[in-house]
Amino acid sequence: MARPAVAIVGRPNVGKSTLFNYITGKKISIVDDTPGVTRDRIYADFEWRGCIFTLIDTGGIDTRSDEEMKHQMRYQAEAAIEHCNVIIFLVDLKTGLTEEDHQIAAMLRRSGKKILVAVNKVDNVGEIPLEAYEFYDLGLGDIYTVSSAQRLGIGELLDAIYEASDTDQMVSEDEDIIKVAVIGKPNSGKSSLINRMLGENRLIVSEIAGTTRDAIDTKARIGDKDYIFIDTAGIRKKSKVDQPVEYYSVLRALTAVERADVCIILIDAVEGVTEQDTKVAGIAHESGKACIIVVNKWDLVVKETKTLERYRQDVAERLAYMTYAPIIFISAKTGQRITRLPELIEYVWDQASIRIRTGMLNDVVNEAMAIVPPPADRGKRLKIYYMTQTGIRPPSFVVFVNSKKLFHFSYQRYIENTLRKNFGFEGSPIKIIVREKGEKE
């Protein structure tokens, strides 16, 4: 069975994200004093007593508000509860027991899941404060006093999670799951695309730009393959990043690209390829990630003769530095061509994982030099002694030459194109490191 899932739920601003970050050892969830900062479910794995758990951070449950965003945040928390094995109900000692806590407790009780009440902001070691005892009135059993900010009482809480989980049934999961980051401008349809692929509303979808603020890991099985989809906050221009939360969202998006194996670069078909799109794509390209260019909202484009061909050419011209990336036109709203994406993800992943034997590689390079002789300068001609592959994802090569200066960019591009013609590498950038013979690494 899959590793046990643990959800942290509670009112807004009781310290859920701080607790999440400490337990997982990663600054994944955004921590801010603004209530409602964490809006979606955030996933990360942690290990305790030799077992692996998945921890889920959720947006605060606000039972008093009818606002659409607050309603969706509650829906996400309820979805997390449905998919978890153990619930940490985090309450606030400073605020004390509230009517909202009682309402949330009633909702959790109906779930039938194991519930651990953690009283947060108990910042002193020793006797349990008298104020904490009122949380027994929730009728959910024992309470655990913790301080997520001061790192107090966390071990006892994790022990309780371990004891409440069926750890005897746990097995190791395959760690070679393809991680897919969906990146693009705000409001380009990233969350809608993931929801469509998963067949459920796992992520919040709103017309409000910037709804997704964290990089969100969503594990899913499509067909017979497992994936981790990373939905990212829309990457805005720096001049428009004026709030601390937005600033951290950009950092999360950049970090998500680094963590990913494949990047889906989402472009709004109505707006076309913008300057910001080229910068977003450049992040994935410079990071050496396998990429797919996905043009979303294709259903909203007025079609004429050769509209798709002209659009494809425009994308290729605007993103000229990554002509290796396949382009697909979809509609997350209608589902148009969505079923082709998993296969394409697998394809570019496999292409980025190709290894070439050194002998075969040099046969191709020698043939390329025979067809187009290396450049010369002032009577000295470039000599390529040999090339060897040093890595994958991205495919990386070291080429040894007599002079780095003579290995001009244009000839290097010619060699790269020759490699693609003979071996593929579609969807992946190629990294070529040039060294002079005898040069140390």
Protein backbone atom coordinates (compact mmCIF):
# COMPACT_ATOMS: atom_id res chain seq x y z
CA MET A 1 0.00 0.00 0.00
CA ALA A 2 1.05 3.62 -0.34
CA ARG A 3 2.84 5.34 2.51
CA PRO A 4 0.47 6.79 5.15
CA ALA A 5 -0.72 10.35 4.58
CA VAL A 6 -1.01 12.86 7.42
CA ALA A 7 -3.02 16.08 6.99
CA ILE A 8 -2.55 19.22 9.08
CA VAL A 9 -5.84 21.11 9.39
CA GLY A 10 -7.17 23.97 11.48
CA ARG A 11 -8.25 27.57 11.45
CA PRO A 12 -6.23 30.12 9.43
CA ASN A 13 -3.00 31.37 10.95
CA VAL A 14 -2.59 28.82 13.76
CA GLY A 15 0.89 27.77 12.54
CA LYS A 16 0.16 24.88 10.20
CA SER A 17 2.77 25.80 7.59
CA THR A 18 5.48 26.39 10.21
CA LEU A 19 4.81 22.93 11.65
CA PHE A 20 4.79 21.44 8.13
CA ASN A 21 8.13 23.02 7.25
CA TYR A 22 9.77 21.81 10.45
CA ILE A 23 8.56 18.21 10.19
CA THR A 24 9.54 17.86 6.52
CA GLY A 25 12.80 19.75 6.98
CA LYS A 26 12.03 21.83 3.91
CA LYS A 27 10.77 25.36 3.45
CA ILE A 28 8.03 24.26 1.08
CA SER A 29 4.94 25.90 2.52
CA ILE A 30 4.93 29.68 2.57
CA VAL A 31 4.90 31.10 6.10
CA ASP A 32 3.39 34.56 6.48
CA ASP A 33 1.32 36.41 9.07
CA THR A 34 -1.44 36.96 6.52
CA PRO A 35 -4.34 34.55 7.16
CA GLY A 36 -5.11 32.32 4.21
CA VAL A 37 -1.60 32.33 2.70
CA THR A 38 -1.59 28.54 2.16
CA ARG A 39 -4.49 27.93 -0.20
CA ASP A 40 -3.91 24.51 -1.74
CA ARG A 41 -2.80 21.16 -0.42
CA ILE A 42 0.99 21.01 -0.12
CA TYR A 43 2.61 17.56 -0.10
CA ALA A 44 6.02 16.41 1.13
CA ASP A 45 7.45 13.19 2.52
CA PHE A 46 9.17 12.82 5.88
CA GLU A 47 10.75 9.92 7.74
CA TRP A 48 10.16 8.97 11.36
CA ARG A 49 11.30 5.82 13.15
CA GLY A 50 12.37 4.25 9.87
CA CYS A 51 9.05 4.79 8.08
CA ILE A 52 8.13 7.22 5.33
CA PHE A 53 5.00 9.37 5.65
CA THR A 54 3.42 11.94 3.35
CA LEU A 55 2.52 15.18 5.11
CA ILE A 56 -0.19 17.44 3.72
CA ASP A 57 -0.43 21.13 4.59
CA THR A 58 -3.81 22.75 3.96
CA GLY A 59 -5.37 26.16 3.77
CA GLY A 60 -7.06 27.29 6.96
CA ILE A 61 -10.71 26.28 7.32
CA ASP A 62 -12.83 29.42 7.78
CA THR A 63 -16.35 28.31 8.70
CA ARG A 64 -17.71 31.84 8.87
CA SER A 65 -16.98 33.13 5.38
CA ASP A 66 -19.01 32.63 2.23
CA GLU A 67 -16.35 34.13 -0.04
CA GLU A 68 -15.56 31.96 -3.04
CA MET A 69 -11.85 31.63 -2.19
CA LYS A 70 -12.58 30.71 1.43
CA HIS A 71 -15.14 28.17 0.22
CA GLN A 72 -12.59 26.59 -2.11
CA MET A 73 -9.96 26.56 0.64
CA ARG A 74 -12.39 24.60 2.80
CA TYR A 75 -13.02 22.22 -0.09
CA GLN A 76 -9.29 21.58 -0.44
CA ALA A 77 -8.96 20.90 3.30
CA GLU A 78 -11.88 18.47 3.13
CA ALA A 79 -10.27 16.74 0.14
CA ALA A 80 -7.01 16.39 2.08
CA ILE A 81 -8.93 14.87 5.00
CA GLU A 82 -10.55 12.37 2.64
CA HIS A 83 -7.18 11.23 1.26
CA CYS A 84 -5.26 11.01 4.55
CA ASN A 85 -4.89 8.33 7.22
CA VAL A 86 -4.18 10.55 10.22
CA ILE A 87 -5.28 14.14 10.92
CA ILE A 88 -3.34 16.66 12.99
CA PHE A 89 -5.94 19.18 14.21
CA LEU A 90 -3.81 22.21 15.07
CA VAL A 91 -5.29 24.73 17.51
CA ASP A 92 -3.89 27.93 19.02
CA LEU A 93 -3.18 28.24 22.76
CA LYS A 94 -2.90 32.04 22.53
CA THR A 95 -6.33 32.41 20.94
CA GLY A 96 -7.93 29.71 23.03
CA LEU A 97 -10.81 27.42 22.14
CA THR A 98 -13.17 29.05 19.63
CA GLU A 99 -16.55 28.26 18.13
CA GLU A 100 -14.76 27.65 14.81
CA ASP A 101 -12.63 24.98 16.50
CA HIS A 102 -15.82 23.25 17.64
CA GLN A 103 -17.25 23.36 14.10
CA ILE A 104 -14.03 21.99 12.59
CA ALA A 105 -13.93 19.25 15.23
CA ALA A 106 -17.46 18.21 14.27
CA MET A 107 -16.41 18.01 10.60
CA LEU A 108 -13.32 15.96 11.47
CA ARG A 109 -15.30 13.61 13.70
CA ARG A 110 -17.55 12.75 10.76
CA SER A 111 -14.51 11.72 8.69
CA GLY A 112 -13.91 8.66 10.85
CA LYS A 113 -10.14 9.22 10.65
CA LYS A 114 -7.67 9.09 13.55
CA ILE A 115 -7.42 12.66 14.93
CA LEU A 116 -4.55 14.08 16.98
CA VAL A 117 -5.24 17.45 18.63
CA ALA A 118 -2.04 19.51 18.74
CA VAL A 119 -2.15 22.68 20.83
CA ASN A 120 0.33 25.03 19.21
CA LYS A 121 2.27 28.00 20.63
CA VAL A 122 3.06 26.31 23.94
CA ASP A 123 6.49 27.90 24.10
CA ASN A 124 7.68 26.60 27.48
CA VAL A 125 8.93 23.16 28.46
CA GLY A 126 7.39 21.50 31.51
CA GLU A 127 3.88 21.28 32.86
CA ILE A 128 0.99 21.61 30.42
CA PRO A 129 -0.49 25.12 30.75
CA LEU A 130 -3.89 25.15 32.42
CA GLU A 131 -5.34 26.96 29.37
CA ALA A 132 -4.54 23.94 27.19
CA TYR A 133 -6.93 21.67 29.08
CA GLU A 134 -9.97 23.43 27.63
CA PHE A 135 -9.22 21.75 24.27
CA TYR A 136 -10.32 18.44 25.80
CA ASP A 137 -13.82 19.92 25.40
CA LEU A 138 -13.50 19.15 21.68
CA GLY A 139 -14.13 15.52 22.56
CA LEU A 140 -11.35 14.19 20.35
CA GLY A 141 -9.23 12.48 22.99
CA ASP A 142 -5.71 13.28 24.16
CA ILE A 143 -4.02 16.57 23.32
CA TYR A 144 -0.37 17.17 22.40
CA THR A 145 1.25 20.47 23.30
CA VAL A 146 3.73 21.76 20.72
CA SER A 147 5.47 24.88 19.57
CA SER A 148 6.09 24.79 15.83
CA ALA A 149 8.11 28.02 16.08
CA GLN A 150 10.27 26.89 19.04
CA ARG A 151 10.47 23.24 17.89
CA LEU A 152 9.05 21.89 21.14
CA GLY A 153 6.97 18.75 21.60
CA ILE A 154 7.25 17.70 17.95
CA GLY A 155 8.85 14.33 18.72
CA GLU A 156 5.94 13.24 20.90
CA LEU A 157 3.50 14.28 18.18
CA LEU A 158 5.42 12.29 15.55
CA ASP A 159 5.45 9.26 17.85
CA ALA A 160 1.67 9.55 18.08
CA ILE A 161 1.43 9.70 14.27
CA TYR A 162 3.58 6.58 14.02
CA GLU A 163 1.45 4.71 16.55
CA ALA A 164 -1.77 5.77 14.80
CA SER A 165 -0.54 4.52 11.40
CA ASP A 166 -0.53 0.96 10.10
CA THR A 167 3.23 0.96 9.56
CA ASP A 168 3.40 -2.84 9.29
CA GLN A 169 1.74 -2.57 5.88
CA MET A 170 4.18 0.02 4.56
CA VAL A 171 6.40 -0.79 1.59
CA SER A 172 9.00 1.24 -0.22
CA GLU A 173 7.76 3.23 -3.18
CA ASP A 174 9.53 3.52 -6.51
CA GLU A 175 11.62 6.67 -6.26
CA ASP A 176 12.09 6.83 -10.03
CA ILE A 177 8.78 8.60 -10.57
CA ILE A 178 8.82 11.33 -13.21
CA LYS A 179 8.38 14.76 -11.62
CA VAL A 180 6.63 17.23 -13.92
CA ALA A 181 6.65 20.98 -13.22
CA VAL A 182 3.92 23.02 -14.89
CA ILE A 183 5.24 26.55 -15.32
CA GLY A 184 4.03 29.72 -17.01
CA LYS A 185 2.58 33.16 -16.51
CA PRO A 186 -0.14 33.69 -13.89
CA ASN A 187 -3.61 32.59 -14.99
CA SER A 188 -2.39 30.60 -17.99
CA GLY A 189 -4.28 27.50 -16.84
CA LYS A 190 -1.65 25.50 -14.93
CA SER A 191 -3.96 24.24 -12.18
CA SER A 192 -6.76 23.56 -14.68
CA LEU A 193 -4.40 21.45 -16.77
CA ILE A 194 -3.34 19.31 -13.81
CA ASN A 195 -6.94 18.91 -12.64
CA ARG A 196 -7.96 17.78 -16.14
CA MET A 197 -5.13 15.24 -16.30
CA LEU A 198 -5.96 13.90 -12.85
CA GLY A 199 -9.68 13.78 -13.52
CA GLU A 200 -10.52 15.65 -10.31
CA ASN A 201 -10.38 19.16 -8.85
CA ARG A 202 -7.23 18.59 -6.84
CA LEU A 203 -6.04 22.22 -7.21
CA ILE A 204 -7.87 25.51 -6.80
CA VAL A 205 -8.92 27.07 -10.11
CA SER A 206 -9.87 30.73 -10.18
CA GLU A 207 -9.91 33.60 -12.64
CA ILE A 208 -7.94 35.60 -10.07
CA ALA A 209 -4.34 35.71 -11.29
CA GLY A 210 -1.86 34.32 -8.77
CA THR A 211 -4.27 31.96 -7.01
CA THR A 212 -1.55 29.31 -6.73
CA ARG A 213 1.18 30.71 -4.52
CA ASP A 214 3.12 27.61 -3.53
CA ALA A 215 4.75 24.91 -5.62
CA ILE A 216 2.36 22.01 -5.05
CA ASP A 217 3.32 18.35 -5.39
CA THR A 218 0.47 16.13 -6.52
CA LYS A 219 1.08 12.41 -6.83
CA ALA A 220 -1.00 10.67 -9.47
CA ARG A 221 -1.25 7.47 -11.45
CA ILE A 222 -2.29 7.82 -15.09
CA GLY A 223 -2.71 4.53 -16.89
CA ASP A 224 0.06 2.29 -15.56
CA LYS A 225 2.51 5.13 -14.85
CA ASP A 226 3.11 7.17 -11.69
CA TYR A 227 3.83 10.89 -11.80
CA ILE A 228 4.39 13.79 -9.44
CA PHE A 229 2.92 17.00 -10.86
CA ILE A 230 4.32 20.24 -9.46
CA ASP A 231 1.90 23.12 -9.93
CA THR A 232 3.74 26.41 -9.55
CA ALA A 233 2.79 29.97 -8.85
CA GLY A 234 2.71 31.95 -12.07
CA ILE A 235 6.08 33.57 -12.66
CA ARG A 236 5.57 37.33 -12.87
CA LYS A 237 7.92 40.06 -13.97
CA LYS A 238 10.10 41.25 -11.09
CA SER A 239 8.62 44.74 -11.35
CA LYS A 240 5.21 43.24 -10.50
CA VAL A 241 6.41 41.23 -7.52
CA ASP A 242 5.62 43.78 -4.84
CA GLN A 243 4.36 41.63 -1.96
CA PRO A 244 6.54 39.32 0.17
CA VAL A 245 4.22 36.38 -0.49
CA GLU A 246 4.49 36.90 -4.27
CA TYR A 247 8.27 37.11 -3.94
CA TYR A 248 8.48 33.75 -2.21
CA SER A 249 6.10 32.29 -4.79
CA VAL A 250 8.57 33.13 -7.56
CA LEU A 251 11.33 31.42 -5.59
CA ARG A 252 9.11 28.35 -5.18
CA ALA A 253 8.52 28.26 -8.94
CA LEU A 254 12.22 28.48 -9.69
CA THR A 255 12.94 25.76 -7.13
CA ALA A 256 10.20 23.59 -8.64
CA VAL A 257 11.97 23.71 -12.00
CA GLU A 258 15.18 22.54 -10.36
CA ARG A 259 13.35 19.63 -8.71
CA ALA A 260 11.52 18.58 -11.86
CA ASP A 261 12.51 16.04 -14.48
CA VAL A 262 10.18 17.42 -17.15
CA CYS A 263 8.83 20.96 -17.50
CA ILE A 264 5.54 21.76 -19.19
CA ILE A 265 5.81 25.34 -20.41
CA LEU A 266 2.24 26.59 -20.58
CA ILE A 267 1.41 29.39 -23.02
CA ASP A 268 -1.91 31.22 -23.26
CA ALA A 269 -3.06 30.80 -26.87
CA VAL A 270 -5.14 33.98 -26.74
CA GLU A 271 -2.22 36.15 -25.63
CA GLY A 272 0.41 34.38 -27.72
CA VAL A 273 4.07 34.05 -26.79
CA THR A 274 4.97 37.02 -24.61
CA GLU A 275 8.30 38.28 -23.36
CA GLN A 276 7.51 36.75 -20.00
CA ASP A 277 6.90 33.37 -21.66
CA THR A 278 10.38 33.47 -23.17
CA LYS A 279 11.86 34.14 -19.72
CA VAL A 280 9.88 31.33 -18.11
CA ALA A 281 10.97 28.92 -20.83
CA GLY A 282 14.54 30.15 -20.44
CA ILE A 283 14.53 29.10 -16.78
CA ALA A 284 13.74 25.51 -17.76
CA HIS A 285 16.20 25.58 -20.69
CA GLU A 286 19.09 26.92 -18.60
CA SER A 287 18.32 24.33 -15.92
CA GLY A 288 18.75 21.56 -18.49
CA LYS A 289 15.25 20.15 -18.12
CA ALA A 290 13.35 18.14 -20.68
CA CYS A 291 10.60 20.45 -21.94
CA ILE A 292 7.23 20.37 -23.66
CA ILE A 293 5.68 23.58 -24.96
CA VAL A 294 1.95 23.39 -24.33
CA VAL A 295 -0.29 26.03 -25.92
CA ASN A 296 -3.43 26.15 -23.78
CA LYS A 297 -6.89 27.65 -24.46
CA TRP A 298 -6.68 26.58 -28.12
CA ASP A 299 -10.47 26.33 -28.12
CA LEU A 300 -10.68 30.14 -27.79
CA VAL A 301 -8.59 30.88 -30.90
CA VAL A 302 -10.50 31.75 -34.08
CA LYS A 303 -9.32 29.26 -36.69
CA GLU A 304 -8.51 30.11 -40.30
CA THR A 305 -6.55 28.30 -42.99
CA LYS A 306 -3.16 27.22 -41.63
CA THR A 307 -3.76 28.90 -38.26
CA LEU A 308 -2.00 26.09 -36.39
CA GLU A 309 0.98 26.09 -38.76
CA ARG A 310 1.42 29.86 -38.41
CA TYR A 311 1.10 29.67 -34.63
CA ARG A 312 3.61 26.84 -34.45
CA GLN A 313 6.06 28.88 -36.53
CA ASP A 314 5.59 31.92 -34.27
CA VAL A 315 6.28 29.83 -31.16
CA ALA A 316 9.41 28.38 -32.78
CA GLU A 317 10.67 31.85 -33.67
CA ARG A 318 9.98 33.39 -30.26
CA LEU A 319 11.55 30.41 -28.46
CA ALA A 320 14.32 29.91 -30.99
CA TYR A 321 16.78 28.73 -28.33
CA MET A 322 14.68 25.63 -27.64
CA THR A 323 13.55 24.37 -31.02
CA TYR A 324 14.20 20.87 -29.65
CA ALA A 325 11.00 21.05 -27.55
CA PRO A 326 7.83 19.49 -29.01
CA ILE A 327 4.78 21.77 -29.26
CA ILE A 328 1.24 20.62 -28.54
CA PHE A 329 -2.00 22.61 -28.71
CA ILE A 330 -4.57 21.79 -26.02
CA SER A 331 -7.56 23.02 -24.08
CA ALA A 332 -7.56 22.28 -20.36
CA LYS A 333 -11.19 23.40 -20.31
CA THR A 334 -12.52 21.01 -22.97
CA GLY A 335 -9.88 18.29 -22.62
CA GLN A 336 -8.70 18.66 -26.23
CA ARG A 337 -5.51 16.56 -26.77
CA ILE A 338 -4.95 16.21 -23.01
CA THR A 339 -4.68 12.42 -23.34
CA ARG A 340 -1.56 12.85 -25.46
CA LEU A 341 0.40 14.58 -22.71
CA PRO A 342 1.34 11.58 -20.52
CA GLU A 343 2.79 9.77 -23.52
CA LEU A 344 4.70 12.91 -24.53
CA ILE A 345 6.04 13.32 -20.99
CA GLU A 346 7.35 9.75 -21.06
CA TYR A 347 8.84 10.33 -24.51
CA VAL A 348 10.90 13.44 -23.64
CA TRP A 349 11.98 11.79 -20.38
CA ASP A 350 13.28 8.79 -22.33
CA GLN A 351 14.98 11.05 -24.87
CA ALA A 352 16.77 12.95 -22.10
CA SER A 353 17.95 9.61 -20.68
CA ILE A 354 19.67 8.33 -23.85
CA ARG A 355 23.28 7.17 -23.49
CA ILE A 356 25.61 6.89 -26.50
CA ARG A 357 28.66 4.65 -26.60
CA THR A 358 31.88 6.60 -27.06
CA GLY A 359 32.85 4.68 -30.21
CA MET A 360 29.55 5.30 -31.93
CA LEU A 361 29.58 8.94 -30.82
CA ASN A 362 33.00 9.60 -32.35
CA ASP A 363 32.08 7.87 -35.59
CA VAL A 364 29.25 10.37 -35.97
CA VAL A 365 31.48 13.34 -35.05
CA ASN A 366 34.17 12.28 -37.52
CA GLU A 367 31.60 11.94 -40.28
CA ALA A 368 30.25 15.40 -39.44
CA MET A 369 33.75 16.89 -39.71
CA ALA A 370 34.22 15.23 -43.08
CA ILE A 371 31.01 16.79 -44.39
CA VAL A 372 31.62 20.26 -42.91
CA PRO A 373 35.33 20.80 -42.10
CA PRO A 374 36.09 22.53 -38.78
CA PRO A 375 36.77 26.30 -38.93
CA ALA A 376 40.28 27.75 -39.19
CA ASP A 377 41.79 31.05 -38.12
CA ARG A 378 45.15 32.46 -39.28
CA GLY A 379 46.22 29.14 -40.68
CA LYS A 380 45.30 27.16 -37.57
CA ARG A 381 42.41 24.73 -37.92
CA LEU A 382 40.20 23.37 -35.19
CA LYS A 383 40.86 19.72 -34.37
CA ILE A 384 38.33 17.63 -32.47
CA TYR A 385 40.23 14.76 -30.90
CA TYR A 386 37.28 12.91 -29.41
CA MET A 387 33.97 13.32 -27.61
CA THR A 388 32.46 11.34 -24.74
CA GLN A 389 29.13 11.44 -22.95
CA THR A 390 29.40 12.27 -19.25
CA GLY A 391 25.78 12.37 -18.13
CA ILE A 392 22.05 12.30 -18.85
CA ARG A 393 19.07 14.55 -18.05
CA PRO A 394 20.33 16.61 -19.73
CA PRO A 395 22.54 14.64 -22.12
CA SER A 396 26.00 16.02 -21.37
CA PHE A 397 29.16 15.66 -23.42
CA VAL A 398 32.81 16.64 -23.13
CA VAL A 399 34.64 17.34 -26.37
CA PHE A 400 38.43 17.59 -26.42
CA VAL A 401 39.94 20.00 -28.96
CA ASN A 402 43.24 21.66 -29.79
CA SER A 403 41.85 25.17 -29.20
CA LYS A 404 38.70 26.36 -27.43
CA LYS A 405 38.82 29.65 -29.31
CA LEU A 406 38.53 27.88 -32.65
CA PHE A 407 35.46 25.92 -31.56
CA HIS A 408 33.06 28.69 -32.52
CA PHE A 409 29.44 28.72 -31.40
CA SER A 410 28.21 28.08 -34.92
CA TYR A 411 30.28 24.90 -35.28
CA GLN A 412 29.26 23.75 -31.84
CA ARG A 413 25.62 24.20 -32.90
CA TYR A 414 26.40 22.15 -36.03
CA ILE A 415 27.77 19.30 -33.90
CA GLU A 416 24.73 19.51 -31.60
CA ASN A 417 22.36 19.33 -34.58
CA THR A 418 24.28 16.33 -35.88
CA LEU A 419 23.83 14.57 -32.55
CA ARG A 420 20.10 15.27 -32.63
CA LYS A 421 19.81 14.05 -36.22
CA ASN A 422 21.50 10.75 -35.36
CA PHE A 423 20.36 10.06 -31.81
CA GLY A 424 17.25 12.13 -31.13
CA PHE A 425 17.30 13.91 -27.75
CA GLU A 426 13.96 15.49 -28.66
CA GLY A 427 12.61 17.67 -25.89
CA SER A 428 15.94 17.94 -24.08
CA PRO A 429 18.70 20.54 -24.19
CA ILE A 430 22.19 19.22 -24.84
CA LYS A 431 25.13 20.32 -22.72
CA ILE A 432 28.53 20.39 -24.43
CA ILE A 433 31.65 21.15 -22.39
CA VAL A 434 34.73 22.06 -24.43
CA ARG A 435 38.20 21.26 -23.13
CA GLU A 436 41.64 21.50 -24.66
CA LYS A 437 43.58 18.26 -24.78
CA GLY A 438 45.46 17.74 -21.54
CA GLU A 439 43.28 20.20 -19.65
CA LYS A 440 42.31 18.99 -16.19
CA GLU A 441 38.67 18.77 -15.21
